[in-house]
Amino acid sequence: MKKYLAIFIVLLLCLGGCTKDVPMETEQQEHMAETVTVATSFYPIYLMTLSITDGAEGVEVMNMAQPQTGCLHDYDLKTEDMKLLKQADVFFMNGLGMEHFLDQAREQNPDLYIVETGENATILLESDYEHEDHEDHEDEDAYNSHVWLHPANAAKQAEAIRDTMMQLDPKQAEIYRANGEKFIAKMKELEEAGKKLHEKREIPVAVFHEGFAYIEEWCGLEEEVGIFPEENQTPSAGEMADAMDEVQTEGIRYFLTAADGGESYAQMMAKETGGTVIELNPLTNGEGNKDEFIQGMEENLAAVSRIFNGE
């Protein structure tokens, strides 16, 4: 079982909580007054960017990693990715170690204007260290980088995207401002609704997706068992036996999973214990609708509400 300890990263940021690798030249700004090509690293960042740029003219948002890729832990840049990055005016990414290919992208595109939207997020660490050892931790591999799954973090990421677009395309600044306010207000509403779920208690759960630690934090769930199958990797028989013992000892009734490699393990353990599988959405694939991010977060809140209602 992994323990998660929260730390707050405060960095000196050039713009609204984001990092810029390359300064924006005046000529580049004038060019983008007419057209802006925006590249995003993967699906949740793509959805946020669609929300912020909705209704803006001359803005093309293109997602690099396809939705079915899911998270980017083992993603390698493809030829079409490099072509996209070469033509992009700005590249929005999650950061915090999610995009391990970033060094390669920087090397091949030294003029690429990069915004790491997650740099001002409240993050969780994947480690067993004591809290005092985390204060100056610089190892990105220790980060749980799925920060977008907490609405407070998603709001900060949207702020970074909004502020960047307002700078790059000032003629349409009011569109970005209004879209940002709408998105952020919705995230705050969801955050408060999640807090109300656990005003009186926290509920122990077994979890089969590492990103759901942020949903646990948001809604007041206590992770007693965590099994996180990676692609082409399965937990051992011993790990499953230990997890089952923990489930039975703690009286765990709810098993949180995505529709991915962890689902079969959640179903198996729920069947053996008479528990309930709760499917959550990590927001890493979909149809490309600008409203999907908010809808997915609403669905996650509704699914967790089932737990507190004893369903």
C-alpha atoms as a PDB file:
ATOM      1  CA  MET A   1       0.000   0.000   0.000  1.00  0.00           C
ATOM      2  CA  LYS A   2       1.366   3.327  -0.975  1.00  0.00           C
ATOM      3  CA  LYS A   3       1.170   6.255   1.385  1.00  0.00           C
ATOM      4  CA  TYR A   4       0.485   9.693  -0.025  1.00  0.00           C
ATOM      5  CA  LEU A   5       1.738  12.831   1.671  1.00  0.00           C
ATOM      6  CA  ALA A   6       0.677  16.231   0.409  1.00  0.00           C
ATOM      7  CA  ILE A   7       3.114  19.042  -0.266  1.00  0.00           C
ATOM      8  CA  PHE A   8       2.526  22.446  -1.783  1.00  0.00           C
ATOM      9  CA  ILE A   9       4.957  23.552  -4.463  1.00  0.00           C
ATOM     10  CA  VAL A  10       5.376  27.296  -4.726  1.00  0.00           C
ATOM     11  CA  LEU A  11       7.711  28.336  -7.529  1.00  0.00           C
ATOM     12  CA  LEU A  12       8.645  31.701  -8.979  1.00  0.00           C
ATOM     13  CA  LEU A  13       6.470  31.664 -12.054  1.00  0.00           C
ATOM     14  CA  CYS A  14       6.646  33.923 -15.063  1.00  0.00           C
ATOM     15  CA  LEU A  15       2.941  33.894 -15.758  1.00  0.00           C
ATOM     16  CA  GLY A  16      -0.106  32.980 -13.701  1.00  0.00           C
ATOM     17  CA  GLY A  17       1.431  29.871 -12.138  1.00  0.00           C
ATOM     18  CA  CYS A  18       3.232  28.413 -15.167  1.00  0.00           C
ATOM     19  CA  THR A  19       6.760  28.093 -16.498  1.00  0.00           C
ATOM     20  CA  LYS A  20       7.929  29.465 -19.810  1.00  0.00           C
ATOM     21  CA  ASP A  21      10.974  27.830 -21.362  1.00  0.00           C
ATOM     22  CA  VAL A  22      11.337  30.434 -24.114  1.00  0.00           C
ATOM     23  CA  PRO A  23      10.470  34.161 -23.930  1.00  0.00           C
ATOM     24  CA  MET A  24       7.786  35.335 -26.324  1.00  0.00           C
ATOM     25  CA  GLU A  25       9.229  37.629 -28.989  1.00  0.00           C
ATOM     26  CA  THR A  26       7.273  40.651 -30.263  1.00  0.00           C
ATOM     27  CA  GLU A  27       7.209  39.346 -33.845  1.00  0.00           C
ATOM     28  CA  GLN A  28       5.831  36.041 -32.609  1.00  0.00           C
ATOM     29  CA  GLN A  29       3.089  37.843 -30.689  1.00  0.00           C
ATOM     30  CA  GLU A  30       2.154  39.863 -33.808  1.00  0.00           C
ATOM     31  CA  HIS A  31       1.944  36.669 -35.864  1.00  0.00           C
ATOM     32  CA  MET A  32      -0.280  35.058 -33.274  1.00  0.00           C
ATOM     33  CA  ALA A  33      -2.619  38.031 -33.257  1.00  0.00           C
ATOM     34  CA  GLU A  34      -4.020  36.479 -36.440  1.00  0.00           C
ATOM     35  CA  THR A  35      -3.561  32.772 -35.825  1.00  0.00           C
ATOM     36  CA  VAL A  36      -2.548  30.632 -32.868  1.00  0.00           C
ATOM     37  CA  THR A  37      -1.595  26.967 -33.102  1.00  0.00           C
ATOM     38  CA  VAL A  38      -1.812  25.357 -29.679  1.00  0.00           C
ATOM     39  CA  ALA A  39      -0.362  21.922 -28.944  1.00  0.00           C
ATOM     40  CA  THR A  40      -1.312  19.961 -25.833  1.00  0.00           C
ATOM     41  CA  SER A  41       0.561  16.976 -24.435  1.00  0.00           C
ATOM     42  CA  PHE A  42      -2.392  14.676 -23.715  1.00  0.00           C
ATOM     43  CA  TYR A  43      -6.107  14.443 -23.200  1.00  0.00           C
ATOM     44  CA  PRO A  44      -6.958  16.234 -19.912  1.00  0.00           C
ATOM     45  CA  ILE A  45      -4.793  19.213 -20.873  1.00  0.00           C
ATOM     46  CA  TYR A  46      -6.422  19.166 -24.302  1.00  0.00           C
ATOM     47  CA  LEU A  47      -9.911  19.304 -22.758  1.00  0.00           C
ATOM     48  CA  MET A  48      -9.005  22.205 -20.477  1.00  0.00           C
ATOM     49  CA  THR A  49      -7.519  24.106 -23.389  1.00  0.00           C
ATOM     50  CA  LEU A  50     -10.650  23.533 -25.472  1.00  0.00           C
ATOM     51  CA  SER A  51     -12.707  25.007 -22.638  1.00  0.00           C
ATOM     52  CA  ILE A  52     -10.509  28.087 -22.291  1.00  0.00           C
ATOM     53  CA  THR A  53     -10.280  28.790 -26.049  1.00  0.00           C
ATOM     54  CA  ASP A  54     -13.941  28.094 -26.859  1.00  0.00           C
ATOM     55  CA  GLY A  55     -15.283  30.772 -29.204  1.00  0.00           C
ATOM     56  CA  ALA A  56     -11.898  32.331 -29.988  1.00  0.00           C
ATOM     57  CA  GLU A  57     -11.256  32.855 -33.698  1.00  0.00           C
ATOM     58  CA  GLY A  58      -8.104  31.677 -35.420  1.00  0.00           C
ATOM     59  CA  VAL A  59      -7.114  29.303 -32.619  1.00  0.00           C
ATOM     60  CA  GLU A  60      -6.369  25.686 -33.486  1.00  0.00           C
ATOM     61  CA  VAL A  61      -5.922  23.272 -30.580  1.00  0.00           C
ATOM     62  CA  MET A  62      -4.175  20.025 -31.460  1.00  0.00           C
ATOM     63  CA  ASN A  63      -3.567  17.150 -29.054  1.00  0.00           C
ATOM     64  CA  MET A  64      -0.292  15.274 -29.302  1.00  0.00           C
ATOM     65  CA  ALA A  65      -0.850  11.903 -27.593  1.00  0.00           C
ATOM     66  CA  GLN A  66      -4.085  10.317 -28.744  1.00  0.00           C
ATOM     67  CA  PRO A  67      -6.824   9.747 -26.127  1.00  0.00           C
ATOM     68  CA  GLN A  68      -6.428   5.971 -26.074  1.00  0.00           C
ATOM     69  CA  THR A  69      -2.841   6.456 -24.897  1.00  0.00           C
ATOM     70  CA  GLY A  70      -4.144   7.257 -21.422  1.00  0.00           C
ATOM     71  CA  CYS A  71      -1.423   8.600 -19.138  1.00  0.00           C
ATOM     72  CA  LEU A  72       2.025   9.220 -20.610  1.00  0.00           C
ATOM     73  CA  HIS A  73       4.222   7.088 -18.363  1.00  0.00           C
ATOM     74  CA  ASP A  74       5.693   5.068 -21.257  1.00  0.00           C
ATOM     75  CA  TYR A  75       4.894   7.338 -24.181  1.00  0.00           C
ATOM     76  CA  ASP A  76       7.516   7.922 -26.881  1.00  0.00           C
ATOM     77  CA  LEU A  77       7.446  10.843 -29.270  1.00  0.00           C
ATOM     78  CA  LYS A  78       6.381   9.957 -32.804  1.00  0.00           C
ATOM     79  CA  THR A  79       7.259  11.645 -36.090  1.00  0.00           C
ATOM     80  CA  GLU A  80       3.863  13.342 -36.249  1.00  0.00           C
ATOM     81  CA  ASP A  81       4.360  14.643 -32.704  1.00  0.00           C
ATOM     82  CA  MET A  82       7.605  16.327 -33.668  1.00  0.00           C
ATOM     83  CA  LYS A  83       5.941  17.897 -36.699  1.00  0.00           C
ATOM     84  CA  LEU A  84       3.162  19.250 -34.486  1.00  0.00           C
ATOM     85  CA  LEU A  85       5.585  20.723 -31.977  1.00  0.00           C
ATOM     86  CA  LYS A  86       7.550  22.439 -34.748  1.00  0.00           C
ATOM     87  CA  GLN A  87       4.459  24.261 -35.993  1.00  0.00           C
ATOM     88  CA  ALA A  88       2.999  25.045 -32.548  1.00  0.00           C
ATOM     89  CA  ASP A  89       3.086  28.566 -31.106  1.00  0.00           C
ATOM     90  CA  VAL A  90       2.660  27.220 -27.575  1.00  0.00           C
ATOM     91  CA  PHE A  91       2.771  23.795 -25.935  1.00  0.00           C
ATOM     92  CA  PHE A  92       0.602  23.168 -22.865  1.00  0.00           C
ATOM     93  CA  MET A  93       1.613  20.204 -20.740  1.00  0.00           C
ATOM     94  CA  ASN A  94       0.893  18.808 -17.293  1.00  0.00           C
ATOM     95  CA  GLY A  95       4.465  18.671 -16.007  1.00  0.00           C
ATOM     96  CA  LEU A  96       5.522  17.144 -12.670  1.00  0.00           C
ATOM     97  CA  GLY A  97       7.177  14.263 -14.481  1.00  0.00           C
ATOM     98  CA  MET A  98       4.138  13.144 -16.464  1.00  0.00           C
ATOM     99  CA  GLU A  99       5.741  13.906 -19.822  1.00  0.00           C
ATOM    100  CA  HIS A 100       9.030  12.008 -19.600  1.00  0.00           C
ATOM    101  CA  PHE A 101       9.774  12.817 -23.234  1.00  0.00           C
ATOM    102  CA  LEU A 102      10.059  16.556 -22.540  1.00  0.00           C
ATOM    103  CA  ASP A 103      13.862  16.705 -22.712  1.00  0.00           C
ATOM    104  CA  GLN A 104      13.760  15.236 -26.205  1.00  0.00           C
ATOM    105  CA  ALA A 105      11.095  17.725 -27.263  1.00  0.00           C
ATOM    106  CA  ARG A 106      13.140  20.638 -25.911  1.00  0.00           C
ATOM    107  CA  GLU A 107      16.315  19.408 -27.598  1.00  0.00           C
ATOM    108  CA  GLN A 108      14.685  19.135 -31.010  1.00  0.00           C
ATOM    109  CA  ASN A 109      12.596  22.317 -30.614  1.00  0.00           C
ATOM    110  CA  PRO A 110      14.749  24.833 -28.732  1.00  0.00           C
ATOM    111  CA  ASP A 111      12.371  27.699 -29.555  1.00  0.00           C
ATOM    112  CA  LEU A 112       9.281  25.858 -28.336  1.00  0.00           C
ATOM    113  CA  TYR A 113       7.184  27.980 -25.970  1.00  0.00           C
ATOM    114  CA  ILE A 114       6.277  25.588 -23.124  1.00  0.00           C
ATOM    115  CA  VAL A 115       3.780  26.007 -20.293  1.00  0.00           C
ATOM    116  CA  GLU A 116       3.810  23.420 -17.490  1.00  0.00           C
ATOM    117  CA  THR A 117       0.308  23.883 -16.136  1.00  0.00           C
ATOM    118  CA  GLY A 118       0.753  21.696 -13.052  1.00  0.00           C
ATOM    119  CA  GLU A 119       3.616  23.596 -11.472  1.00  0.00           C
ATOM    120  CA  ASN A 120       1.404  25.533  -9.071  1.00  0.00           C
ATOM    121  CA  ALA A 121      -0.717  22.543  -8.084  1.00  0.00           C
ATOM    122  CA  THR A 122      -0.945  20.928  -4.671  1.00  0.00           C
ATOM    123  CA  ILE A 123       0.625  17.537  -5.295  1.00  0.00           C
ATOM    124  CA  LEU A 124       0.816  14.173  -3.582  1.00  0.00           C
ATOM    125  CA  LEU A 125       4.026  12.215  -3.175  1.00  0.00           C
ATOM    126  CA  GLU A 126       4.299   8.511  -3.879  1.00  0.00           C
ATOM    127  CA  SER A 127       6.623   7.506  -1.065  1.00  0.00           C
ATOM    128  CA  ASP A 128       6.999   6.271   2.475  1.00  0.00           C
ATOM    129  CA  TYR A 129       9.184   9.159   3.639  1.00  0.00           C
ATOM    130  CA  GLU A 130       8.321  11.211   6.677  1.00  0.00           C
ATOM    131  CA  HIS A 131       6.739  14.586   5.934  1.00  0.00           C
ATOM    132  CA  GLU A 132       9.785  16.605   6.955  1.00  0.00           C
ATOM    133  CA  ASP A 133      11.874  14.831   4.281  1.00  0.00           C
ATOM    134  CA  HIS A 134       9.589  16.145   1.564  1.00  0.00           C
ATOM    135  CA  GLU A 135      10.085  19.848   1.981  1.00  0.00           C
ATOM    136  CA  ASP A 136      12.882  20.164  -0.561  1.00  0.00           C
ATOM    137  CA  HIS A 137      12.186  17.031  -2.570  1.00  0.00           C
ATOM    138  CA  GLU A 138      13.253  17.484  -6.203  1.00  0.00           C
ATOM    139  CA  ASP A 139      12.732  13.958  -7.577  1.00  0.00           C
ATOM    140  CA  GLU A 140       9.870  14.183 -10.068  1.00  0.00           C
ATOM    141  CA  ASP A 141       9.610  10.384 -10.113  1.00  0.00           C
ATOM    142  CA  ALA A 142       8.282  10.630  -6.552  1.00  0.00           C
ATOM    143  CA  TYR A 143       5.386  12.832  -7.627  1.00  0.00           C
ATOM    144  CA  ASN A 144       1.898  11.554  -8.238  1.00  0.00           C
ATOM    145  CA  SER A 145       1.486  13.698 -11.305  1.00  0.00           C
ATOM    146  CA  HIS A 146      -2.251  13.086 -11.904  1.00  0.00           C
ATOM    147  CA  VAL A 147      -3.013  16.489 -10.379  1.00  0.00           C
ATOM    148  CA  TRP A 148      -5.896  17.329 -12.747  1.00  0.00           C
ATOM    149  CA  LEU A 149      -8.144  14.843 -10.903  1.00  0.00           C
ATOM    150  CA  HIS A 150      -8.561  17.256  -7.986  1.00  0.00           C
ATOM    151  CA  PRO A 151     -10.782  20.213  -8.961  1.00  0.00           C
ATOM    152  CA  ALA A 152      -8.665  22.701  -7.015  1.00  0.00           C
ATOM    153  CA  ASN A 153      -5.660  21.707  -9.115  1.00  0.00           C
ATOM    154  CA  ALA A 154      -7.638  21.713 -12.355  1.00  0.00           C
ATOM    155  CA  ALA A 155      -8.639  25.288 -11.574  1.00  0.00           C
ATOM    156  CA  LYS A 156      -4.976  26.290 -11.214  1.00  0.00           C
ATOM    157  CA  GLN A 157      -4.092  24.556 -14.461  1.00  0.00           C
ATOM    158  CA  ALA A 158      -6.928  26.367 -16.223  1.00  0.00           C
ATOM    159  CA  GLU A 159      -5.624  29.652 -14.812  1.00  0.00           C
ATOM    160  CA  ALA A 160      -2.214  28.973 -16.360  1.00  0.00           C
ATOM    161  CA  ILE A 161      -3.798  28.229 -19.745  1.00  0.00           C
ATOM    162  CA  ARG A 162      -6.093  31.275 -19.529  1.00  0.00           C
ATOM    163  CA  ASP A 163      -3.328  33.691 -18.579  1.00  0.00           C
ATOM    164  CA  THR A 164      -1.045  32.404 -21.314  1.00  0.00           C
ATOM    165  CA  MET A 165      -3.705  32.729 -24.006  1.00  0.00           C
ATOM    166  CA  MET A 166      -4.545  36.254 -22.835  1.00  0.00           C
ATOM    167  CA  GLN A 167      -0.887  37.207 -23.246  1.00  0.00           C
ATOM    168  CA  LEU A 168      -0.414  35.545 -26.620  1.00  0.00           C
ATOM    169  CA  ASP A 169      -3.706  36.728 -28.105  1.00  0.00           C
ATOM    170  CA  PRO A 170      -4.675  39.969 -26.310  1.00  0.00           C
ATOM    171  CA  LYS A 171      -7.335  40.865 -28.889  1.00  0.00           C
ATOM    172  CA  GLN A 172      -9.431  37.967 -27.619  1.00  0.00           C
ATOM    173  CA  ALA A 173      -8.420  38.280 -23.975  1.00  0.00           C
ATOM    174  CA  GLU A 174     -11.993  38.757 -22.781  1.00  0.00           C
ATOM    175  CA  ILE A 175     -13.041  35.455 -24.338  1.00  0.00           C
ATOM    176  CA  TYR A 176     -10.274  33.618 -22.498  1.00  0.00           C
ATOM    177  CA  ARG A 177     -11.029  35.490 -19.288  1.00  0.00           C
ATOM    178  CA  ALA A 178     -14.739  34.655 -19.387  1.00  0.00           C
ATOM    179  CA  ASN A 179     -14.143  31.012 -20.274  1.00  0.00           C
ATOM    180  CA  GLY A 180     -11.585  30.731 -17.508  1.00  0.00           C
ATOM    181  CA  GLU A 181     -13.884  32.229 -14.914  1.00  0.00           C
ATOM    182  CA  LYS A 182     -16.643  29.824 -15.904  1.00  0.00           C
ATOM    183  CA  PHE A 183     -14.375  26.768 -15.730  1.00  0.00           C
ATOM    184  CA  ILE A 184     -12.750  27.791 -12.446  1.00  0.00           C
ATOM    185  CA  ALA A 185     -16.099  28.567 -10.823  1.00  0.00           C
ATOM    186  CA  LYS A 186     -17.298  25.080 -11.729  1.00  0.00           C
ATOM    187  CA  MET A 187     -14.168  23.500 -10.267  1.00  0.00           C
ATOM    188  CA  LYS A 188     -14.681  25.406  -7.011  1.00  0.00           C
ATOM    189  CA  GLU A 189     -18.295  24.262  -6.902  1.00  0.00           C
ATOM    190  CA  LEU A 190     -17.221  20.637  -7.332  1.00  0.00           C
ATOM    191  CA  GLU A 191     -14.494  21.013  -4.729  1.00  0.00           C
ATOM    192  CA  GLU A 192     -16.979  22.236  -2.139  1.00  0.00           C
ATOM    193  CA  ALA A 193     -19.445  19.457  -2.977  1.00  0.00           C
ATOM    194  CA  GLY A 194     -16.689  16.884  -2.438  1.00  0.00           C
ATOM    195  CA  LYS A 195     -15.777  18.381   0.929  1.00  0.00           C
ATOM    196  CA  LYS A 196     -19.387  18.061   2.100  1.00  0.00           C
ATOM    197  CA  LEU A 197     -19.318  14.321   1.472  1.00  0.00           C
ATOM    198  CA  HIS A 198     -16.807  13.683   4.230  1.00  0.00           C
ATOM    199  CA  GLU A 199     -17.754  16.266   6.832  1.00  0.00           C
ATOM    200  CA  LYS A 200     -18.516  13.502   9.342  1.00  0.00           C
ATOM    201  CA  ARG A 201     -16.388  10.520   8.253  1.00  0.00           C
ATOM    202  CA  GLU A 202     -13.925   9.001   5.835  1.00  0.00           C
ATOM    203  CA  ILE A 203     -14.525   5.647   4.188  1.00  0.00           C
ATOM    204  CA  PRO A 204     -11.816   3.010   3.554  1.00  0.00           C
ATOM    205  CA  VAL A 205     -11.441   1.831  -0.037  1.00  0.00           C
ATOM    206  CA  ALA A 206      -9.254  -0.308  -2.285  1.00  0.00           C
ATOM    207  CA  VAL A 207      -7.906   1.574  -5.307  1.00  0.00           C
ATOM    208  CA  PHE A 208      -6.706   0.306  -8.685  1.00  0.00           C
ATOM    209  CA  HIS A 209      -5.509   3.524 -10.358  1.00  0.00           C
ATOM    210  CA  GLU A 210      -2.765   5.689  -8.878  1.00  0.00           C
ATOM    211  CA  GLY A 211      -4.385   8.916 -10.077  1.00  0.00           C
ATOM    212  CA  PHE A 212      -7.420   8.339  -7.903  1.00  0.00           C
ATOM    213  CA  ALA A 213      -5.428   9.437  -4.853  1.00  0.00           C
ATOM    214  CA  TYR A 214      -6.533  12.944  -5.827  1.00  0.00           C
ATOM    215  CA  ILE A 215     -10.184  11.939  -5.860  1.00  0.00           C
ATOM    216  CA  GLU A 216      -9.697  10.347  -2.439  1.00  0.00           C
ATOM    217  CA  GLU A 217      -8.174  13.584  -1.165  1.00  0.00           C
ATOM    218  CA  TRP A 218     -10.986  15.607  -2.701  1.00  0.00           C
ATOM    219  CA  CYS A 219     -13.878  13.520  -1.435  1.00  0.00           C
ATOM    220  CA  GLY A 220     -12.584  12.053   1.816  1.00  0.00           C
ATOM    221  CA  LEU A 221     -11.829   8.427   1.017  1.00  0.00           C
ATOM    222  CA  GLU A 222      -9.131   6.515   2.885  1.00  0.00           C
ATOM    223  CA  GLU A 223      -6.978   4.273   0.715  1.00  0.00           C
ATOM    224  CA  GLU A 224      -6.229   1.086   2.661  1.00  0.00           C
ATOM    225  CA  VAL A 225      -5.221  -1.003  -0.351  1.00  0.00           C
ATOM    226  CA  GLY A 226      -3.613   0.205  -3.579  1.00  0.00           C
ATOM    227  CA  ILE A 227      -2.899  -1.984  -6.602  1.00  0.00           C
ATOM    228  CA  PHE A 228      -1.777  -0.160  -9.729  1.00  0.00           C
ATOM    229  CA  PRO A 229      -1.279  -2.476 -12.713  1.00  0.00           C
ATOM    230  CA  GLU A 230       0.916  -0.948 -15.366  1.00  0.00           C
ATOM    231  CA  GLU A 231       0.833  -1.870 -19.030  1.00  0.00           C
ATOM    232  CA  ASN A 232       2.215  -5.430 -19.526  1.00  0.00           C
ATOM    233  CA  GLN A 233       2.737  -5.748 -15.793  1.00  0.00           C
ATOM    234  CA  THR A 234       0.565  -7.566 -13.285  1.00  0.00           C
ATOM    235  CA  PRO A 235       0.655  -7.811  -9.480  1.00  0.00           C
ATOM    236  CA  SER A 236       2.106 -11.046  -8.127  1.00  0.00           C
ATOM    237  CA  ALA A 237       0.036 -13.734  -6.440  1.00  0.00           C
ATOM    238  CA  GLY A 238       1.655 -12.752  -3.149  1.00  0.00           C
ATOM    239  CA  GLU A 239       0.698  -9.100  -3.577  1.00  0.00           C
ATOM    240  CA  MET A 240      -2.874 -10.055  -4.362  1.00  0.00           C
ATOM    241  CA  ALA A 241      -3.041 -12.363  -1.319  1.00  0.00           C
ATOM    242  CA  ASP A 242      -1.726  -9.611   0.952  1.00  0.00           C
ATOM    243  CA  ALA A 243      -4.208  -7.141  -0.534  1.00  0.00           C
ATOM    244  CA  MET A 244      -7.093  -9.541   0.013  1.00  0.00           C
ATOM    245  CA  ASP A 245      -6.063 -10.049   3.641  1.00  0.00           C
ATOM    246  CA  GLU A 246      -6.030  -6.273   4.123  1.00  0.00           C
ATOM    247  CA  VAL A 247      -9.429  -5.906   2.485  1.00  0.00           C
ATOM    248  CA  GLN A 248     -10.949  -8.491   4.785  1.00  0.00           C
ATOM    249  CA  THR A 249      -9.204  -7.175   7.913  1.00  0.00           C
ATOM    250  CA  GLU A 250     -10.306  -3.580   7.279  1.00  0.00           C
ATOM    251  CA  GLY A 251     -13.784  -4.543   6.113  1.00  0.00           C
ATOM    252  CA  ILE A 252     -13.368  -2.749   2.802  1.00  0.00           C
ATOM    253  CA  ARG A 253     -16.526  -2.785   0.690  1.00  0.00           C
ATOM    254  CA  TYR A 254     -15.661  -0.454  -2.186  1.00  0.00           C
ATOM    255  CA  PHE A 255     -13.178  -0.953  -5.007  1.00  0.00           C
ATOM    256  CA  LEU A 256     -12.272   2.076  -7.129  1.00  0.00           C
ATOM    257  CA  THR A 257     -11.118   1.425 -10.671  1.00  0.00           C
ATOM    258  CA  ALA A 258     -10.979   2.888 -14.148  1.00  0.00           C
ATOM    259  CA  ALA A 259     -11.998   0.999 -17.272  1.00  0.00           C
ATOM    260  CA  ASP A 260      -8.425  -0.235 -17.714  1.00  0.00           C
ATOM    261  CA  GLY A 261      -6.037  -2.950 -16.560  1.00  0.00           C
ATOM    262  CA  GLY A 262      -7.057  -2.591 -12.922  1.00  0.00           C
ATOM    263  CA  GLU A 263     -10.720  -3.350 -13.523  1.00  0.00           C
ATOM    264  CA  SER A 264     -10.371  -7.149 -13.605  1.00  0.00           C
ATOM    265  CA  TYR A 265      -8.600  -7.135 -10.229  1.00  0.00           C
ATOM    266  CA  ALA A 266     -11.245  -4.904  -8.703  1.00  0.00           C
ATOM    267  CA  GLN A 267     -14.013  -7.142 -10.025  1.00  0.00           C
ATOM    268  CA  MET A 268     -12.301 -10.265  -8.699  1.00  0.00           C
ATOM    269  CA  MET A 269     -11.797  -8.888  -5.199  1.00  0.00           C
ATOM    270  CA  ALA A 270     -15.303  -7.439  -5.062  1.00  0.00           C
ATOM    271  CA  LYS A 271     -16.767 -10.801  -6.070  1.00  0.00           C
ATOM    272  CA  GLU A 272     -14.833 -12.637  -3.369  1.00  0.00           C
ATOM    273  CA  THR A 273     -15.810 -10.181  -0.642  1.00  0.00           C
ATOM    274  CA  GLY A 274     -19.307  -9.181  -1.713  1.00  0.00           C
ATOM    275  CA  GLY A 275     -18.106  -5.628  -2.261  1.00  0.00           C
ATOM    276  CA  THR A 276     -18.984  -3.005  -4.864  1.00  0.00           C
ATOM    277  CA  VAL A 277     -16.894  -1.825  -7.796  1.00  0.00           C
ATOM    278  CA  ILE A 278     -16.998   1.933  -8.372  1.00  0.00           C
ATOM    279  CA  GLU A 279     -15.778   2.990 -11.809  1.00  0.00           C
ATOM    280  CA  LEU A 280     -14.175   6.428 -12.006  1.00  0.00           C
ATOM    281  CA  ASN A 281     -13.000   8.408 -15.006  1.00  0.00           C
ATOM    282  CA  PRO A 282      -9.306   9.426 -15.117  1.00  0.00           C
ATOM    283  CA  LEU A 283     -10.193  11.770 -18.003  1.00  0.00           C
ATOM    284  CA  THR A 284      -7.531  10.374 -20.305  1.00  0.00           C
ATOM    285  CA  ASN A 285      -9.785   9.456 -23.239  1.00  0.00           C
ATOM    286  CA  GLY A 286     -13.065  10.496 -24.777  1.00  0.00           C
ATOM    287  CA  GLU A 287     -14.701  12.080 -27.807  1.00  0.00           C
ATOM    288  CA  GLY A 288     -12.920  15.432 -27.791  1.00  0.00           C
ATOM    289  CA  ASN A 289     -15.880  17.482 -26.565  1.00  0.00           C
ATOM    290  CA  LYS A 290     -14.940  20.693 -24.742  1.00  0.00           C
ATOM    291  CA  ASP A 291     -17.431  19.890 -21.958  1.00  0.00           C
ATOM    292  CA  GLU A 292     -16.010  16.434 -21.223  1.00  0.00           C
ATOM    293  CA  PHE A 293     -13.685  17.565 -18.450  1.00  0.00           C
ATOM    294  CA  ILE A 294     -16.441  19.104 -16.350  1.00  0.00           C
ATOM    295  CA  GLN A 295     -18.821  16.251 -17.137  1.00  0.00           C
ATOM    296  CA  GLY A 296     -16.200  13.686 -16.152  1.00  0.00           C
ATOM    297  CA  MET A 297     -15.530  15.384 -12.834  1.00  0.00           C
ATOM    298  CA  GLU A 298     -19.262  15.584 -12.144  1.00  0.00           C
ATOM    299  CA  GLU A 299     -19.591  11.879 -12.883  1.00  0.00           C
ATOM    300  CA  ASN A 300     -16.708  11.078 -10.537  1.00  0.00           C
ATOM    301  CA  LEU A 301     -18.371  13.050  -7.755  1.00  0.00           C
ATOM    302  CA  ALA A 302     -21.659  11.245  -8.365  1.00  0.00           C
ATOM    303  CA  ALA A 303     -19.911   7.861  -8.297  1.00  0.00           C
ATOM    304  CA  VAL A 304     -18.175   8.631  -4.991  1.00  0.00           C
ATOM    305  CA  SER A 305     -21.476   9.881  -3.585  1.00  0.00           C
ATOM    306  CA  ARG A 306     -22.786   6.330  -4.005  1.00  0.00           C
ATOM    307  CA  ILE A 307     -20.220   5.202  -1.458  1.00  0.00           C
ATOM    308  CA  PHE A 308     -21.313   7.722   1.156  1.00  0.00           C
ATOM    309  CA  ASN A 309     -24.959   6.864   0.469  1.00  0.00           C
ATOM    310  CA  GLY A 310     -24.212   3.206   1.161  1.00  0.00           C
ATOM    311  CA  GLU A 311     -25.227   1.999  -2.293  1.00  0.00           C
END
